Structures are given as structure tokens and as C-alpha cells.
Amino acid sequence: MTRISLLHGVSILVTLALLLLVFELVRRKRLSERYAILWLVAATTLFVLAAWKGLLTSLANDVGISYPPSALFAVAIGLIGMILLNFSLAVSRLSDQNKILAQRIGLLQQRVEEVESGATAQAPVDQAAAPTTAERGPHEPLAPEELTSTR
């Protein structure tokens, strides 16, 4: 067995193992289907490139990479970059939702304290004074009346 065919076989085994791992994680409900789709696309792409040696060689030649397995790693790095971007978007969205939930909890805690202390209800918030969504930046706190709306 030559060194190139050994590398070819290892590439196929690693990408096949990644595909099987993703399926197993979804089956055990450890990985959400939403994110599994990204990993399945990435693993399938890498598997096709690893298994179909002619496609990998022509892709490497087209982009100017002299060693085809290096092209496989370049594609893998690009796919991982896309997955990381998707996760960054999800984390940002969850961070915003977490802030809104913390604001809601603060308002509810304030109401509970007012009821427990027997304090009178506050005057309603002036609707004209609160900035609209267009005037407010995406990371500024929401006004109480906006907390009930869904995004």
C-alpha cells in the first residue's frame, strides 16, 4: 500500500466516522436536527471529496493546490468556518433572548415586591417617551410594553 492510498483510506474512514457520529448524536437526542443538518452537509461533502479521488484532484488543480489532500483540508476548514458563523449567530440570538428574559424577571420581581409591600401601582409608562424599535439599537433594553411581543 502506498502512502497516498493509505492517506486516501484514512480520509474516507475519518469522514465516514464523522457521518456516523452525527447520526448517533441525533439518535440519542444530544444534537438538535437544526445543527445536525449543517454537520451532515459538511461531513457528506468531505466524504464525497475523500472517496472520489478524481474530483478532489481536479478541485485541487483548479484552485492551484499541488497536493490534493491539502485541498480536502482547505474545504474542511471552510466548512468549519461556516458552521462557526452559524453558531455565532445562534449564540447572539440566545444572548438577546436571555437579556429580554432577565428584563421580564426584573419587572415581575418589582411587581411582586410592590404587591407584597402593599404599595400602590405605578403610573403607566408614557408611550410617546419610549423609543421605537427603529430608534433603539439591537442591543438596548426593551420597554416593558415591548417585552410581551415575540421576535
N, C-alpha and C. Protein backbone atom coordinates (compact mmCIF):
# COMPACT_ATOMS: atom_id res chain seq x y z
N MET A 1 0.84 -1.17 0.00
CA MET A 1 0.00 0.00 0.00
C MET A 1 0.89 1.24 0.00
N THR A 2 0.64 2.14 -0.91
CA THR A 2 1.46 3.36 -0.97
C THR A 2 0.97 4.36 0.06
N ARG A 3 1.78 5.38 0.25
CA ARG A 3 1.45 6.40 1.25
C ARG A 3 0.19 7.17 0.86
N ILE A 4 0.03 7.46 -0.43
CA ILE A 4 -1.15 8.22 -0.89
C ILE A 4 -2.41 7.39 -0.69
N SER A 5 -2.39 6.12 -1.01
CA SER A 5 -3.61 5.32 -0.85
C SER A 5 -3.93 5.13 0.64
N LEU A 6 -2.91 5.07 1.49
CA LEU A 6 -3.15 4.99 2.92
C LEU A 6 -3.82 6.27 3.41
N LEU A 7 -3.33 7.41 2.96
CA LEU A 7 -3.93 8.70 3.32
C LEU A 7 -5.36 8.79 2.79
N HIS A 8 -5.56 8.28 1.59
CA HIS A 8 -6.90 8.26 0.99
C HIS A 8 -7.85 7.43 1.86
N GLY A 9 -7.41 6.26 2.27
CA GLY A 9 -8.23 5.39 3.11
C GLY A 9 -8.52 6.01 4.47
N VAL A 10 -7.52 6.65 5.05
CA VAL A 10 -7.73 7.30 6.35
C VAL A 10 -8.74 8.44 6.21
N SER A 11 -8.64 9.21 5.13
CA SER A 11 -9.59 10.31 4.89
C SER A 11 -11.01 9.79 4.78
N ILE A 12 -11.18 8.70 4.06
CA ILE A 12 -12.52 8.11 3.90
C ILE A 12 -13.04 7.62 5.25
N LEU A 13 -12.19 6.93 6.02
CA LEU A 13 -12.61 6.42 7.33
C LEU A 13 -12.97 7.55 8.30
N VAL A 14 -12.18 8.61 8.32
CA VAL A 14 -12.45 9.73 9.24
C VAL A 14 -13.75 10.42 8.88
N THR A 15 -13.98 10.68 7.59
CA THR A 15 -15.23 11.36 7.21
C THR A 15 -16.44 10.45 7.42
N LEU A 16 -16.27 9.15 7.18
CA LEU A 16 -17.37 8.21 7.44
C LEU A 16 -17.66 8.15 8.94
N ALA A 17 -16.62 8.17 9.76
CA ALA A 17 -16.81 8.18 11.22
C ALA A 17 -17.53 9.45 11.66
N LEU A 18 -17.22 10.58 11.04
CA LEU A 18 -17.91 11.82 11.36
C LEU A 18 -19.40 11.74 11.01
N LEU A 19 -19.71 11.17 9.85
CA LEU A 19 -21.11 10.98 9.47
C LEU A 19 -21.85 10.09 10.48
N LEU A 20 -21.23 8.99 10.84
CA LEU A 20 -21.86 8.08 11.80
C LEU A 20 -22.01 8.73 13.17
N LEU A 21 -21.03 9.51 13.59
CA LEU A 21 -21.11 10.21 14.87
C LEU A 21 -22.28 11.19 14.89
N VAL A 22 -22.46 11.93 13.81
CA VAL A 22 -23.57 12.89 13.75
C VAL A 22 -24.91 12.16 13.82
N PHE A 23 -25.04 11.06 13.08
CA PHE A 23 -26.29 10.29 13.13
C PHE A 23 -26.54 9.75 14.54
N GLU A 24 -25.50 9.26 15.19
CA GLU A 24 -25.65 8.72 16.54
C GLU A 24 -26.04 9.82 17.54
N LEU A 25 -25.43 10.99 17.42
CA LEU A 25 -25.77 12.10 18.32
C LEU A 25 -27.22 12.55 18.13
N VAL A 26 -27.70 12.56 16.90
CA VAL A 26 -29.10 12.92 16.65
C VAL A 26 -30.02 11.83 17.20
N ARG A 27 -29.65 10.58 17.01
CA ARG A 27 -30.46 9.47 17.50
C ARG A 27 -30.60 9.52 19.02
N ARG A 28 -29.53 9.87 19.71
CA ARG A 28 -29.57 9.96 21.16
C ARG A 28 -30.09 11.30 21.66
N LYS A 29 -30.50 12.15 20.74
CA LYS A 29 -31.04 13.48 21.05
C LYS A 29 -30.03 14.36 21.78
N ARG A 30 -28.76 14.19 21.45
CA ARG A 30 -27.70 15.02 22.00
C ARG A 30 -27.38 16.19 21.07
N LEU A 31 -27.81 16.06 19.80
CA LEU A 31 -27.58 17.10 18.80
C LEU A 31 -28.91 17.41 18.14
N SER A 32 -29.26 18.68 18.12
CA SER A 32 -30.51 19.11 17.52
C SER A 32 -30.48 18.90 16.00
N GLU A 33 -31.64 18.58 15.44
CA GLU A 33 -31.72 18.37 13.99
C GLU A 33 -31.29 19.62 13.23
N ARG A 34 -31.59 20.77 13.81
CA ARG A 34 -31.24 22.04 13.16
C ARG A 34 -29.74 22.14 12.90
N TYR A 35 -28.94 21.75 13.89
CA TYR A 35 -27.49 21.81 13.75
C TYR A 35 -26.94 20.57 13.07
N ALA A 36 -27.65 19.46 13.17
CA ALA A 36 -27.21 18.23 12.54
C ALA A 36 -27.17 18.37 11.02
N ILE A 37 -28.08 19.16 10.48
CA ILE A 37 -28.10 19.36 9.03
C ILE A 37 -26.79 19.97 8.56
N LEU A 38 -26.30 20.96 9.29
CA LEU A 38 -25.02 21.58 8.93
C LEU A 38 -23.89 20.56 8.97
N TRP A 39 -23.84 19.77 10.04
CA TRP A 39 -22.78 18.79 10.17
C TRP A 39 -22.91 17.69 9.12
N LEU A 40 -24.12 17.30 8.79
CA LEU A 40 -24.30 16.27 7.76
C LEU A 40 -23.87 16.77 6.39
N VAL A 41 -24.18 18.03 6.08
CA VAL A 41 -23.73 18.60 4.80
C VAL A 41 -22.21 18.65 4.75
N ALA A 42 -21.60 19.10 5.84
CA ALA A 42 -20.14 19.19 5.89
C ALA A 42 -19.51 17.80 5.78
N ALA A 43 -20.00 16.85 6.54
CA ALA A 43 -19.42 15.50 6.53
C ALA A 43 -19.64 14.81 5.19
N THR A 44 -20.81 15.00 4.59
CA THR A 44 -21.09 14.40 3.28
C THR A 44 -20.18 15.00 2.21
N THR A 45 -20.00 16.31 2.25
CA THR A 45 -19.10 16.96 1.29
C THR A 45 -17.69 16.42 1.42
N LEU A 46 -17.21 16.33 2.64
CA LEU A 46 -15.86 15.80 2.86
C LEU A 46 -15.76 14.34 2.46
N PHE A 47 -16.80 13.56 2.73
CA PHE A 47 -16.78 12.15 2.36
C PHE A 47 -16.73 11.99 0.84
N VAL A 48 -17.54 12.77 0.12
CA VAL A 48 -17.53 12.69 -1.35
C VAL A 48 -16.16 13.07 -1.89
N LEU A 49 -15.57 14.15 -1.35
CA LEU A 49 -14.25 14.57 -1.81
C LEU A 49 -13.18 13.54 -1.46
N ALA A 50 -13.29 12.90 -0.31
CA ALA A 50 -12.31 11.90 0.08
C ALA A 50 -12.46 10.61 -0.74
N ALA A 51 -13.69 10.20 -1.01
CA ALA A 51 -13.93 8.95 -1.72
C ALA A 51 -13.69 9.09 -3.22
N TRP A 52 -14.05 10.22 -3.78
CA TRP A 52 -13.92 10.42 -5.23
C TRP A 52 -12.62 11.16 -5.49
N LYS A 53 -11.56 10.38 -5.65
CA LYS A 53 -10.22 10.94 -5.75
C LYS A 53 -10.07 11.88 -6.95
N GLY A 54 -10.71 11.55 -8.06
CA GLY A 54 -10.61 12.40 -9.26
C GLY A 54 -11.21 13.78 -9.04
N LEU A 55 -12.30 13.86 -8.29
CA LEU A 55 -12.94 15.14 -8.00
C LEU A 55 -12.04 16.00 -7.13
N LEU A 56 -11.43 15.38 -6.14
CA LEU A 56 -10.52 16.11 -5.26
C LEU A 56 -9.29 16.61 -6.02
N THR A 57 -8.76 15.77 -6.90
CA THR A 57 -7.59 16.16 -7.70
C THR A 57 -7.93 17.31 -8.64
N SER A 58 -9.07 17.23 -9.32
CA SER A 58 -9.44 18.31 -10.24
C SER A 58 -9.76 19.60 -9.47
N LEU A 59 -10.38 19.48 -8.29
CA LEU A 59 -10.63 20.66 -7.47
C LEU A 59 -9.32 21.30 -7.03
N ALA A 60 -8.38 20.46 -6.61
CA ALA A 60 -7.07 20.98 -6.18
C ALA A 60 -6.35 21.66 -7.34
N ASN A 61 -6.40 21.07 -8.52
CA ASN A 61 -5.76 21.68 -9.69
C ASN A 61 -6.42 23.00 -10.09
N ASP A 62 -7.76 23.05 -9.98
CA ASP A 62 -8.49 24.26 -10.35
C ASP A 62 -8.14 25.45 -9.45
N VAL A 63 -7.89 25.15 -8.17
CA VAL A 63 -7.58 26.24 -7.24
C VAL A 63 -6.08 26.46 -7.10
N GLY A 64 -5.28 25.63 -7.71
CA GLY A 64 -3.83 25.83 -7.66
C GLY A 64 -3.16 25.17 -6.48
N ILE A 65 -3.76 24.13 -5.93
CA ILE A 65 -3.15 23.39 -4.81
C ILE A 65 -2.46 22.17 -5.41
N SER A 66 -1.16 22.03 -5.16
CA SER A 66 -0.40 20.96 -5.80
C SER A 66 -0.59 19.60 -5.13
N TYR A 67 -0.98 19.56 -3.87
CA TYR A 67 -1.15 18.31 -3.15
C TYR A 67 -2.63 18.14 -2.81
N PRO A 68 -3.35 17.24 -3.51
CA PRO A 68 -4.80 17.12 -3.35
C PRO A 68 -5.31 16.94 -1.91
N PRO A 69 -4.66 16.16 -1.04
CA PRO A 69 -5.18 16.09 0.33
C PRO A 69 -5.19 17.44 1.05
N SER A 70 -4.33 18.34 0.64
CA SER A 70 -4.36 19.68 1.22
C SER A 70 -5.65 20.40 0.84
N ALA A 71 -6.16 20.12 -0.35
CA ALA A 71 -7.43 20.71 -0.78
C ALA A 71 -8.58 20.20 0.09
N LEU A 72 -8.49 18.94 0.49
CA LEU A 72 -9.51 18.38 1.37
C LEU A 72 -9.52 19.12 2.71
N PHE A 73 -8.35 19.40 3.24
CA PHE A 73 -8.26 20.15 4.49
C PHE A 73 -8.72 21.59 4.31
N ALA A 74 -8.44 22.19 3.16
CA ALA A 74 -8.90 23.55 2.90
C ALA A 74 -10.43 23.61 2.86
N VAL A 75 -11.05 22.63 2.21
CA VAL A 75 -12.51 22.56 2.17
C VAL A 75 -13.05 22.35 3.58
N ALA A 76 -12.41 21.47 4.36
CA ALA A 76 -12.86 21.21 5.74
C ALA A 76 -12.79 22.48 6.58
N ILE A 77 -11.71 23.25 6.43
CA ILE A 77 -11.57 24.49 7.20
C ILE A 77 -12.66 25.49 6.78
N GLY A 78 -12.96 25.56 5.49
CA GLY A 78 -14.03 26.45 5.03
C GLY A 78 -15.39 26.04 5.59
N LEU A 79 -15.67 24.75 5.61
CA LEU A 79 -16.95 24.27 6.15
C LEU A 79 -17.04 24.51 7.66
N ILE A 80 -15.94 24.31 8.36
CA ILE A 80 -15.93 24.58 9.80
C ILE A 80 -16.14 26.06 10.06
N GLY A 81 -15.57 26.92 9.22
CA GLY A 81 -15.79 28.36 9.35
C GLY A 81 -17.26 28.72 9.20
N MET A 82 -17.94 28.09 8.24
CA MET A 82 -19.37 28.35 8.05
C MET A 82 -20.18 27.87 9.25
N ILE A 83 -19.82 26.72 9.80
CA ILE A 83 -20.52 26.21 10.98
C ILE A 83 -20.30 27.14 12.17
N LEU A 84 -19.07 27.62 12.34
CA LEU A 84 -18.79 28.54 13.44
C LEU A 84 -19.57 29.85 13.29
N LEU A 85 -19.71 30.34 12.07
CA LEU A 85 -20.51 31.54 11.85
C LEU A 85 -21.96 31.30 12.24
N ASN A 86 -22.50 30.14 11.87
CA ASN A 86 -23.87 29.81 12.22
C ASN A 86 -24.03 29.73 13.74
N PHE A 87 -23.07 29.13 14.43
CA PHE A 87 -23.15 29.05 15.89
C PHE A 87 -23.02 30.43 16.52
N SER A 88 -22.21 31.30 15.94
CA SER A 88 -22.10 32.66 16.47
C SER A 88 -23.42 33.39 16.36
N LEU A 89 -24.12 33.20 15.25
CA LEU A 89 -25.44 33.81 15.09
C LEU A 89 -26.42 33.25 16.13
N ALA A 90 -26.37 31.96 16.37
CA ALA A 90 -27.27 31.35 17.35
C ALA A 90 -26.96 31.86 18.75
N VAL A 91 -25.69 31.98 19.10
CA VAL A 91 -25.31 32.47 20.42
C VAL A 91 -25.75 33.93 20.59
N SER A 92 -25.60 34.73 19.55
CA SER A 92 -26.04 36.13 19.61
C SER A 92 -27.54 36.22 19.84
N ARG A 93 -28.29 35.41 19.12
CA ARG A 93 -29.75 35.40 19.28
C ARG A 93 -30.13 34.96 20.68
N LEU A 94 -29.48 33.92 21.18
CA LEU A 94 -29.78 33.44 22.53
C LEU A 94 -29.39 34.47 23.59
N SER A 95 -28.32 35.20 23.35
CA SER A 95 -27.90 36.25 24.28
C SER A 95 -28.96 37.35 24.35
N ASP A 96 -29.48 37.74 23.20
CA ASP A 96 -30.54 38.76 23.17
C ASP A 96 -31.79 38.25 23.89
N GLN A 97 -32.15 37.00 23.65
CA GLN A 97 -33.32 36.43 24.32
C GLN A 97 -33.10 36.34 25.82
N ASN A 98 -31.89 36.02 26.23
CA ASN A 98 -31.56 35.95 27.65
C ASN A 98 -31.71 37.31 28.32
N LYS A 99 -31.28 38.36 27.62
CA LYS A 99 -31.41 39.72 28.16
C LYS A 99 -32.87 40.10 28.31
N ILE A 100 -33.69 39.75 27.33
CA ILE A 100 -35.12 40.05 27.41
C ILE A 100 -35.76 39.30 28.57
N LEU A 101 -35.39 38.04 28.74
CA LEU A 101 -35.92 37.26 29.86
C LEU A 101 -35.50 37.85 31.21
N ALA A 102 -34.26 38.31 31.30
CA ALA A 102 -33.80 38.94 32.55
C ALA A 102 -34.59 40.21 32.83
N GLN A 103 -34.90 40.98 31.79
CA GLN A 103 -35.71 42.19 31.97
C GLN A 103 -37.11 41.83 32.44
N ARG A 104 -37.68 40.79 31.85
CA ARG A 104 -39.02 40.36 32.26
C ARG A 104 -39.02 39.91 33.72
N ILE A 105 -38.01 39.17 34.11
CA ILE A 105 -37.92 38.71 35.50
C ILE A 105 -37.80 39.91 36.43
N GLY A 106 -37.00 40.89 36.04
CA GLY A 106 -36.87 42.10 36.87
C GLY A 106 -38.19 42.82 37.04
N LEU A 107 -38.94 42.95 35.95
CA LEU A 107 -40.25 43.60 36.04
C LEU A 107 -41.21 42.80 36.91
N LEU A 108 -41.21 41.49 36.73
CA LEU A 108 -42.09 40.65 37.54
C LEU A 108 -41.70 40.71 39.03
N GLN A 109 -40.39 40.70 39.30
CA GLN A 109 -39.93 40.80 40.69
C GLN A 109 -40.36 42.13 41.30
N GLN A 110 -40.28 43.19 40.51
CA GLN A 110 -40.70 44.50 41.00
C GLN A 110 -42.19 44.49 41.32
N ARG A 111 -42.99 43.89 40.45
CA ARG A 111 -44.43 43.82 40.69
C ARG A 111 -44.75 42.99 41.93
N VAL A 112 -44.04 41.88 42.10
CA VAL A 112 -44.26 41.04 43.27
C VAL A 112 -43.92 41.80 44.54
N GLU A 113 -42.81 42.51 44.54
CA GLU A 113 -42.42 43.29 45.71
C GLU A 113 -43.43 44.38 46.01
N GLU A 114 -43.98 45.02 44.96
CA GLU A 114 -45.00 46.05 45.16
C GLU A 114 -46.26 45.46 45.77
N VAL A 115 -46.66 44.29 45.27
CA VAL A 115 -47.87 43.65 45.80
C VAL A 115 -47.65 43.21 47.24
N GLU A 116 -46.48 42.65 47.52
CA GLU A 116 -46.20 42.19 48.88
C GLU A 116 -46.10 43.34 49.87
N SER A 117 -45.57 44.46 49.45
CA SER A 117 -45.43 45.60 50.37
C SER A 117 -46.71 46.44 50.43
N GLY A 118 -47.67 46.12 49.60
CA GLY A 118 -48.93 46.86 49.61
C GLY A 118 -48.83 48.21 48.95
N ALA A 119 -47.77 48.44 48.19
CA ALA A 119 -47.59 49.73 47.52
C ALA A 119 -48.62 49.88 46.41
N THR A 120 -48.94 51.10 46.10
CA THR A 120 -49.87 51.36 45.02
C THR A 120 -49.17 51.16 43.69
N ALA A 121 -49.94 50.83 42.69
CA ALA A 121 -49.37 50.60 41.35
C ALA A 121 -48.79 51.90 40.80
N GLN A 122 -47.72 51.74 40.05
CA GLN A 122 -47.09 52.91 39.43
C GLN A 122 -47.96 53.44 38.30
N ALA A 123 -47.73 54.72 37.99
CA ALA A 123 -48.43 55.31 36.85
C ALA A 123 -47.94 54.62 35.59
N PRO A 124 -48.81 54.47 34.58
CA PRO A 124 -48.39 53.80 33.35
C PRO A 124 -47.24 54.56 32.67
N VAL A 125 -46.40 53.82 31.98
CA VAL A 125 -45.26 54.40 31.27
C VAL A 125 -45.78 55.22 30.09
N ASP A 126 -45.21 56.40 29.91
CA ASP A 126 -45.60 57.27 28.80
C ASP A 126 -45.18 56.61 27.49
N GLN A 127 -46.13 56.23 26.66
CA GLN A 127 -45.84 55.53 25.41
C GLN A 127 -45.01 56.38 24.45
N ALA A 128 -45.23 57.69 24.44
CA ALA A 128 -44.51 58.56 23.49
C ALA A 128 -43.05 58.70 23.89
N ALA A 129 -42.71 58.54 25.18
CA ALA A 129 -41.33 58.74 25.63
C ALA A 129 -40.46 57.54 25.31
N ALA A 130 -41.04 56.36 25.17
CA ALA A 130 -40.24 55.16 24.90
C ALA A 130 -39.80 55.16 23.43
N PRO A 131 -38.52 54.86 23.17
CA PRO A 131 -38.05 54.84 21.77
C PRO A 131 -38.64 53.65 21.03
N THR A 132 -38.85 53.83 19.75
CA THR A 132 -39.36 52.73 18.94
C THR A 132 -38.21 51.78 18.62
N THR A 133 -38.56 50.63 18.08
CA THR A 133 -37.55 49.64 17.73
C THR A 133 -36.57 50.20 16.71
N ALA A 134 -37.05 51.02 15.78
CA ALA A 134 -36.18 51.60 14.77
C ALA A 134 -35.20 52.60 15.38
N GLU A 135 -35.63 53.34 16.43
CA GLU A 135 -34.76 54.34 17.06
C GLU A 135 -33.77 53.69 18.01
N ARG A 136 -34.13 52.55 18.58
CA ARG A 136 -33.30 51.87 19.56
C ARG A 136 -32.36 50.91 18.83
N GLY A 137 -31.15 50.75 19.31
CA GLY A 137 -30.21 49.79 18.74
C GLY A 137 -30.64 48.37 19.07
N PRO A 138 -30.06 47.37 18.39
CA PRO A 138 -30.48 45.99 18.60
C PRO A 138 -30.12 45.44 19.97
N HIS A 139 -29.18 46.07 20.70
CA HIS A 139 -28.76 45.53 21.98
C HIS A 139 -29.19 46.39 23.16
N GLU A 140 -30.08 47.36 22.94
CA GLU A 140 -30.58 48.18 24.03
C GLU A 140 -31.79 47.50 24.66
N PRO A 141 -32.02 47.74 25.95
CA PRO A 141 -33.15 47.09 26.64
C PRO A 141 -34.49 47.48 26.03
N LEU A 142 -35.42 46.58 26.14
CA LEU A 142 -36.77 46.82 25.63
C LEU A 142 -37.60 47.55 26.67
N ALA A 143 -38.57 48.31 26.18
CA ALA A 143 -39.54 48.94 27.06
C ALA A 143 -40.49 47.85 27.55
N PRO A 144 -41.12 48.02 28.71
CA PRO A 144 -41.99 46.97 29.26
C PRO A 144 -43.08 46.50 28.30
N GLU A 145 -43.67 47.43 27.54
CA GLU A 145 -44.73 47.00 26.62
C GLU A 145 -44.21 46.18 25.45
N GLU A 146 -42.91 46.30 25.14
CA GLU A 146 -42.34 45.53 24.05
C GLU A 146 -41.93 44.13 24.48
N LEU A 147 -41.84 43.89 25.77
CA LEU A 147 -41.42 42.59 26.26
C LEU A 147 -42.42 41.50 25.97
N THR A 148 -43.67 41.85 25.80
CA THR A 148 -44.69 40.84 25.56
C THR A 148 -44.74 40.41 24.10
N SER A 149 -44.16 41.19 23.20
CA SER A 149 -44.20 40.82 21.79
C SER A 149 -43.12 39.79 21.51
N THR A 150 -43.35 38.93 20.51
CA THR A 150 -42.38 37.92 20.14
C THR A 150 -41.55 38.44 18.99
N ARG A 151 -40.34 37.93 18.90
CA ARG A 151 -39.44 38.38 17.84
C ARG A 151 -39.60 37.52 16.63
